[in-house]
Amino acid sequence: MKIEEVLLQLADRILDFDEASLAQLQEKYLNKVSDFAPNRDWERSIIVYFLINSVRVKNKIFNDRIKGTQSVDPIKSTKNLLKIVK
C-alpha cells in the first residue's frame, strides 16, 4: 500500500470523529507534548495533538466558508486555533 493511500485512509477515519470528542483529548496531548521525552510515546503524542488541531482548523475554515465570512487568507482566520508548542 502506498504512503498516500495510508494517509488518506487515516484522514477518513479521523473525519469520522466528532470535534467535541477530539477537543476533550487535546489538553491531554498538549500536556504530553509539553513534557518532552526522547521516545516514541512523545513522538506519537505530537502527531495526535496536531491531528486534533488540524480537525479544528478544518472545521473553522469550513464553517467560515459556509457562513460566507471566510477571509481571503484562510490561515489568518485560523491563527487563534493554532498553538505553538515549545
N, C-alpha and C. Protein backbone atom coordinates (compact mmCIF):
# COMPACT_ATOMS: atom_id res chain seq x y z
N MET A 1 0.84 -1.19 0.00
CA MET A 1 0.00 0.00 0.00
C MET A 1 0.88 1.24 0.00
N LYS A 2 0.54 2.19 -0.82
CA LYS A 2 1.31 3.43 -0.91
C LYS A 2 1.10 4.29 0.33
N ILE A 3 2.09 5.12 0.62
CA ILE A 3 2.01 6.03 1.76
C ILE A 3 0.79 6.94 1.63
N GLU A 4 0.56 7.46 0.45
CA GLU A 4 -0.57 8.36 0.26
C GLU A 4 -1.90 7.68 0.57
N GLU A 5 -2.04 6.44 0.16
CA GLU A 5 -3.27 5.70 0.44
C GLU A 5 -3.48 5.53 1.94
N VAL A 6 -2.41 5.22 2.65
CA VAL A 6 -2.50 5.06 4.10
C VAL A 6 -2.91 6.37 4.75
N LEU A 7 -2.30 7.47 4.31
CA LEU A 7 -2.64 8.78 4.87
C LEU A 7 -4.09 9.16 4.58
N LEU A 8 -4.57 8.87 3.39
CA LEU A 8 -5.96 9.17 3.05
C LEU A 8 -6.93 8.33 3.87
N GLN A 9 -6.58 7.08 4.10
CA GLN A 9 -7.43 6.23 4.96
C GLN A 9 -7.43 6.75 6.39
N LEU A 10 -6.28 7.20 6.86
CA LEU A 10 -6.19 7.78 8.20
C LEU A 10 -7.06 9.04 8.28
N ALA A 11 -6.99 9.88 7.26
CA ALA A 11 -7.82 11.09 7.23
C ALA A 11 -9.30 10.75 7.27
N ASP A 12 -9.70 9.74 6.51
CA ASP A 12 -11.11 9.32 6.53
C ASP A 12 -11.54 8.87 7.92
N ARG A 13 -10.70 8.14 8.59
CA ARG A 13 -11.03 7.67 9.94
C ARG A 13 -11.13 8.83 10.92
N ILE A 14 -10.22 9.78 10.82
CA ILE A 14 -10.22 10.93 11.73
C ILE A 14 -11.45 11.80 11.47
N LEU A 15 -11.84 11.94 10.21
CA LEU A 15 -13.01 12.75 9.88
C LEU A 15 -14.30 12.14 10.42
N ASP A 16 -14.28 10.86 10.74
CA ASP A 16 -15.46 10.21 11.33
C ASP A 16 -15.66 10.57 12.80
N PHE A 17 -14.63 11.11 13.45
CA PHE A 17 -14.75 11.51 14.85
C PHE A 17 -15.38 12.89 14.92
N ASP A 18 -16.13 13.14 16.00
CA ASP A 18 -16.70 14.48 16.15
C ASP A 18 -15.69 15.36 16.88
N GLU A 19 -15.78 16.65 16.58
CA GLU A 19 -14.80 17.60 17.12
C GLU A 19 -14.85 17.67 18.63
N ALA A 20 -16.02 17.53 19.22
CA ALA A 20 -16.13 17.62 20.68
C ALA A 20 -15.34 16.51 21.37
N SER A 21 -15.42 15.32 20.83
CA SER A 21 -14.66 14.20 21.41
C SER A 21 -13.17 14.44 21.26
N LEU A 22 -12.77 14.94 20.12
CA LEU A 22 -11.35 15.22 19.91
C LEU A 22 -10.87 16.34 20.83
N ALA A 23 -11.70 17.37 21.00
CA ALA A 23 -11.33 18.50 21.84
C ALA A 23 -11.08 18.08 23.28
N GLN A 24 -11.81 17.08 23.74
CA GLN A 24 -11.60 16.58 25.10
C GLN A 24 -10.20 15.99 25.27
N LEU A 25 -9.65 15.47 24.21
CA LEU A 25 -8.31 14.87 24.27
C LEU A 25 -7.19 15.88 24.05
N GLN A 26 -7.51 17.03 23.48
CA GLN A 26 -6.47 17.96 23.08
C GLN A 26 -5.61 18.42 24.26
N GLU A 27 -6.22 18.76 25.38
CA GLU A 27 -5.45 19.22 26.54
C GLU A 27 -4.52 18.12 27.05
N LYS A 28 -5.02 16.90 27.06
CA LYS A 28 -4.21 15.76 27.50
C LYS A 28 -2.94 15.66 26.65
N TYR A 29 -3.11 15.76 25.34
CA TYR A 29 -1.95 15.63 24.45
C TYR A 29 -1.07 16.86 24.44
N LEU A 30 -1.63 18.01 24.71
CA LEU A 30 -0.81 19.20 24.85
C LEU A 30 0.12 19.03 26.05
N ASN A 31 -0.39 18.48 27.13
CA ASN A 31 0.45 18.23 28.31
C ASN A 31 1.55 17.22 28.00
N LYS A 32 1.23 16.18 27.26
CA LYS A 32 2.25 15.19 26.90
C LYS A 32 3.32 15.80 26.00
N VAL A 33 2.88 16.63 25.06
CA VAL A 33 3.82 17.28 24.15
C VAL A 33 4.74 18.23 24.91
N SER A 34 4.17 18.91 25.88
CA SER A 34 4.95 19.89 26.66
C SER A 34 5.99 19.22 27.54
N ASP A 35 5.78 17.96 27.87
CA ASP A 35 6.71 17.22 28.72
C ASP A 35 7.62 16.37 27.84
N PHE A 36 8.62 17.01 27.25
CA PHE A 36 9.49 16.35 26.27
C PHE A 36 10.17 15.11 26.85
N ALA A 37 10.15 14.07 26.05
CA ALA A 37 10.92 12.86 26.36
C ALA A 37 11.33 12.27 25.01
N PRO A 38 12.59 11.94 24.86
CA PRO A 38 13.07 11.44 23.56
C PRO A 38 12.65 9.98 23.34
N ASN A 39 11.35 9.77 23.17
CA ASN A 39 10.87 8.40 22.96
C ASN A 39 9.69 8.40 21.99
N ARG A 40 9.29 7.20 21.61
CA ARG A 40 8.22 7.02 20.63
C ARG A 40 6.87 7.55 21.15
N ASP A 41 6.61 7.41 22.44
CA ASP A 41 5.34 7.89 23.01
C ASP A 41 5.21 9.40 22.84
N TRP A 42 6.28 10.13 23.09
CA TRP A 42 6.26 11.59 22.93
C TRP A 42 6.03 11.94 21.45
N GLU A 43 6.69 11.23 20.54
CA GLU A 43 6.52 11.49 19.11
C GLU A 43 5.08 11.23 18.68
N ARG A 44 4.49 10.16 19.17
CA ARG A 44 3.10 9.86 18.85
C ARG A 44 2.17 10.94 19.40
N SER A 45 2.50 11.44 20.57
CA SER A 45 1.69 12.50 21.19
C SER A 45 1.68 13.76 20.33
N ILE A 46 2.82 14.10 19.77
CA ILE A 46 2.91 15.26 18.87
C ILE A 46 1.97 15.06 17.67
N ILE A 47 2.02 13.89 17.08
CA ILE A 47 1.19 13.61 15.90
C ILE A 47 -0.29 13.68 16.27
N VAL A 48 -0.67 13.06 17.40
CA VAL A 48 -2.07 13.08 17.83
C VAL A 48 -2.53 14.51 18.09
N TYR A 49 -1.70 15.29 18.78
CA TYR A 49 -2.07 16.68 19.08
C TYR A 49 -2.34 17.46 17.80
N PHE A 50 -1.46 17.34 16.83
CA PHE A 50 -1.65 18.11 15.61
C PHE A 50 -2.75 17.55 14.72
N LEU A 51 -3.03 16.27 14.80
CA LEU A 51 -4.20 15.74 14.09
C LEU A 51 -5.47 16.35 14.65
N ILE A 52 -5.56 16.41 15.98
CA ILE A 52 -6.73 17.02 16.62
C ILE A 52 -6.84 18.49 16.21
N ASN A 53 -5.73 19.19 16.27
CA ASN A 53 -5.73 20.61 15.91
C ASN A 53 -6.09 20.80 14.44
N SER A 54 -5.67 19.88 13.58
CA SER A 54 -5.99 20.02 12.16
C SER A 54 -7.49 19.90 11.91
N VAL A 55 -8.17 19.06 12.67
CA VAL A 55 -9.63 18.94 12.53
C VAL A 55 -10.29 20.24 12.96
N ARG A 56 -9.81 20.84 14.03
CA ARG A 56 -10.37 22.12 14.48
C ARG A 56 -10.18 23.21 13.43
N VAL A 57 -8.99 23.26 12.84
CA VAL A 57 -8.70 24.26 11.81
C VAL A 57 -9.57 24.01 10.58
N LYS A 58 -9.70 22.75 10.18
CA LYS A 58 -10.54 22.40 9.03
C LYS A 58 -11.98 22.82 9.28
N ASN A 59 -12.48 22.56 10.48
CA ASN A 59 -13.86 22.94 10.80
C ASN A 59 -14.05 24.45 10.81
N LYS A 60 -13.06 25.18 11.29
CA LYS A 60 -13.13 26.64 11.31
C LYS A 60 -13.20 27.19 9.89
N ILE A 61 -12.33 26.69 9.02
CA ILE A 61 -12.34 27.14 7.62
C ILE A 61 -13.66 26.77 6.96
N PHE A 62 -14.11 25.54 7.17
CA PHE A 62 -15.37 25.07 6.59
C PHE A 62 -16.54 25.94 7.03
N ASN A 63 -16.66 26.16 8.34
CA ASN A 63 -17.76 26.97 8.87
C ASN A 63 -17.72 28.40 8.38
N ASP A 64 -16.53 28.98 8.30
CA ASP A 64 -16.41 30.35 7.79
C ASP A 64 -16.83 30.43 6.32
N ARG A 65 -16.47 29.42 5.55
CA ARG A 65 -16.86 29.41 4.13
C ARG A 65 -18.37 29.27 3.98
N ILE A 66 -18.97 28.41 4.78
CA ILE A 66 -20.42 28.21 4.72
C ILE A 66 -21.15 29.50 5.10
N LYS A 67 -20.65 30.19 6.11
CA LYS A 67 -21.27 31.44 6.56
C LYS A 67 -20.97 32.59 5.62
N GLY A 68 -20.00 32.40 4.74
CA GLY A 68 -19.61 33.48 3.83
C GLY A 68 -18.72 34.52 4.47
N THR A 69 -18.10 34.16 5.58
CA THR A 69 -17.24 35.12 6.28
C THR A 69 -15.76 34.78 6.14
N GLN A 70 -15.44 33.85 5.27
CA GLN A 70 -14.05 33.44 5.10
C GLN A 70 -13.23 34.59 4.55
N SER A 71 -12.13 34.87 5.19
CA SER A 71 -11.23 35.89 4.68
C SER A 71 -10.51 35.35 3.46
N VAL A 72 -9.82 36.23 2.78
CA VAL A 72 -9.08 35.82 1.59
C VAL A 72 -8.02 34.80 1.96
N ASP A 73 -7.41 34.98 3.12
CA ASP A 73 -6.35 34.08 3.58
C ASP A 73 -6.89 33.20 4.70
N PRO A 74 -7.19 31.92 4.42
CA PRO A 74 -7.77 31.05 5.46
C PRO A 74 -6.84 30.84 6.65
N ILE A 75 -5.54 31.00 6.45
CA ILE A 75 -4.59 30.82 7.55
C ILE A 75 -4.78 31.92 8.59
N LYS A 76 -5.01 33.15 8.16
CA LYS A 76 -5.23 34.25 9.11
C LYS A 76 -6.46 34.01 9.97
N SER A 77 -7.51 33.45 9.38
CA SER A 77 -8.74 33.24 10.13
C SER A 77 -8.62 32.10 11.13
N THR A 78 -7.60 31.29 11.02
CA THR A 78 -7.46 30.14 11.91
C THR A 78 -6.28 30.27 12.87
N LYS A 79 -5.59 31.38 12.84
CA LYS A 79 -4.40 31.53 13.71
C LYS A 79 -4.74 31.37 15.18
N ASN A 80 -5.95 31.75 15.61
CA ASN A 80 -6.29 31.62 17.01
C ASN A 80 -6.46 30.16 17.41
N LEU A 81 -6.59 29.25 16.45
CA LEU A 81 -6.69 27.82 16.76
C LEU A 81 -5.33 27.14 16.79
N LEU A 82 -4.33 27.78 16.20
CA LEU A 82 -3.00 27.19 16.16
C LEU A 82 -2.23 27.57 17.42
N LYS A 83 -1.57 26.60 17.98
CA LYS A 83 -0.79 26.84 19.19
C LYS A 83 0.65 26.44 18.96
N ILE A 84 1.56 27.29 19.40
CA ILE A 84 2.98 26.98 19.30
C ILE A 84 3.34 26.11 20.50
N VAL A 85 3.98 25.00 20.21
CA VAL A 85 4.42 24.09 21.26
C VAL A 85 5.92 24.27 21.40
N LYS A 86 6.34 24.62 22.60
CA LYS A 86 7.78 24.83 22.83
C LYS A 86 8.33 23.72 23.67
